[in-house]
Amino acid sequence: MARTEEFLMDLDKGMLAYFRELAHEMVTRFGVSRAEAVARINRAYSAASSPRTPT
């Protein structure tokens, strides 16, 4: 698990890729900035103790 500069929680490689893809989709589909997308992901998931890669 590693902490990145963009996301506030410790993430494994799978979750990091998932959150980056999620941010990309938010930018392209909804027109929010990348910073806003990352902030929304952080707000939604930082309370979770350890996000796991979706199956």
Protein backbone atom coordinates (compact mmCIF):
# COMPACT_ATOMS: atom_id res chain seq x y z
CA MET A 1 0.00 0.00 0.00
CA ALA A 2 1.22 3.46 -0.81
CA ARG A 3 0.05 7.01 -0.32
CA THR A 4 0.11 9.29 -3.35
CA GLU A 5 0.16 13.07 -3.69
CA GLU A 6 -3.28 13.10 -5.29
CA PHE A 7 -5.29 10.71 -3.12
CA LEU A 8 -5.40 10.98 0.66
CA MET A 9 -5.63 7.30 1.53
CA ASP A 10 -3.18 4.41 1.24
CA LEU A 11 -3.91 2.54 -1.98
CA ASP A 12 -2.70 -0.64 -3.60
CA LYS A 13 -1.83 -0.54 -7.30
CA GLY A 14 -5.28 -1.73 -8.32
CA MET A 15 -7.15 0.92 -6.35
CA LEU A 16 -4.78 3.65 -7.53
CA ALA A 17 -5.50 2.69 -11.15
CA TYR A 18 -9.25 2.52 -10.38
CA PHE A 19 -9.32 5.98 -8.76
CA ARG A 20 -7.29 7.51 -11.58
CA GLU A 21 -9.68 6.02 -14.14
CA LEU A 22 -12.66 7.23 -12.08
CA ALA A 23 -11.20 10.75 -12.00
CA HIS A 24 -10.62 10.61 -15.76
CA GLU A 25 -14.24 9.57 -16.36
CA MET A 26 -15.52 12.39 -14.14
CA VAL A 27 -13.49 14.90 -16.15
CA THR A 28 -14.58 13.60 -19.55
CA ARG A 29 -18.23 12.77 -18.79
CA PHE A 30 -19.16 15.54 -16.37
CA GLY A 31 -16.73 18.30 -17.30
CA VAL A 32 -15.32 18.82 -13.82
CA SER A 33 -11.65 19.69 -13.44
CA ARG A 34 -9.20 16.95 -12.50
CA ALA A 35 -8.61 18.67 -9.15
CA GLU A 36 -12.35 18.66 -8.44
CA ALA A 37 -12.65 15.00 -9.44
CA VAL A 38 -9.79 14.03 -7.12
CA ALA A 39 -11.27 16.11 -4.29
CA ARG A 40 -14.63 14.37 -4.69
CA ILE A 41 -13.00 10.94 -4.66
CA ASN A 42 -11.00 11.87 -1.57
CA ARG A 43 -14.12 13.13 0.19
CA ALA A 44 -16.11 10.01 -0.69
CA TYR A 45 -13.46 7.40 0.07
CA SER A 46 -11.07 8.86 2.66
CA ALA A 47 -13.44 7.84 5.49
CA ALA A 48 -13.17 4.21 4.38
CA SER A 49 -10.53 2.35 6.38
CA SER A 50 -8.98 0.58 3.39
CA PRO A 51 -10.57 0.74 -0.05
CA ARG A 52 -10.29 -2.56 -1.90
CA THR A 53 -10.10 -3.11 -5.62
CA PRO A 54 -13.61 -3.73 -7.00
CA THR A 55 -14.22 -7.23 -8.32
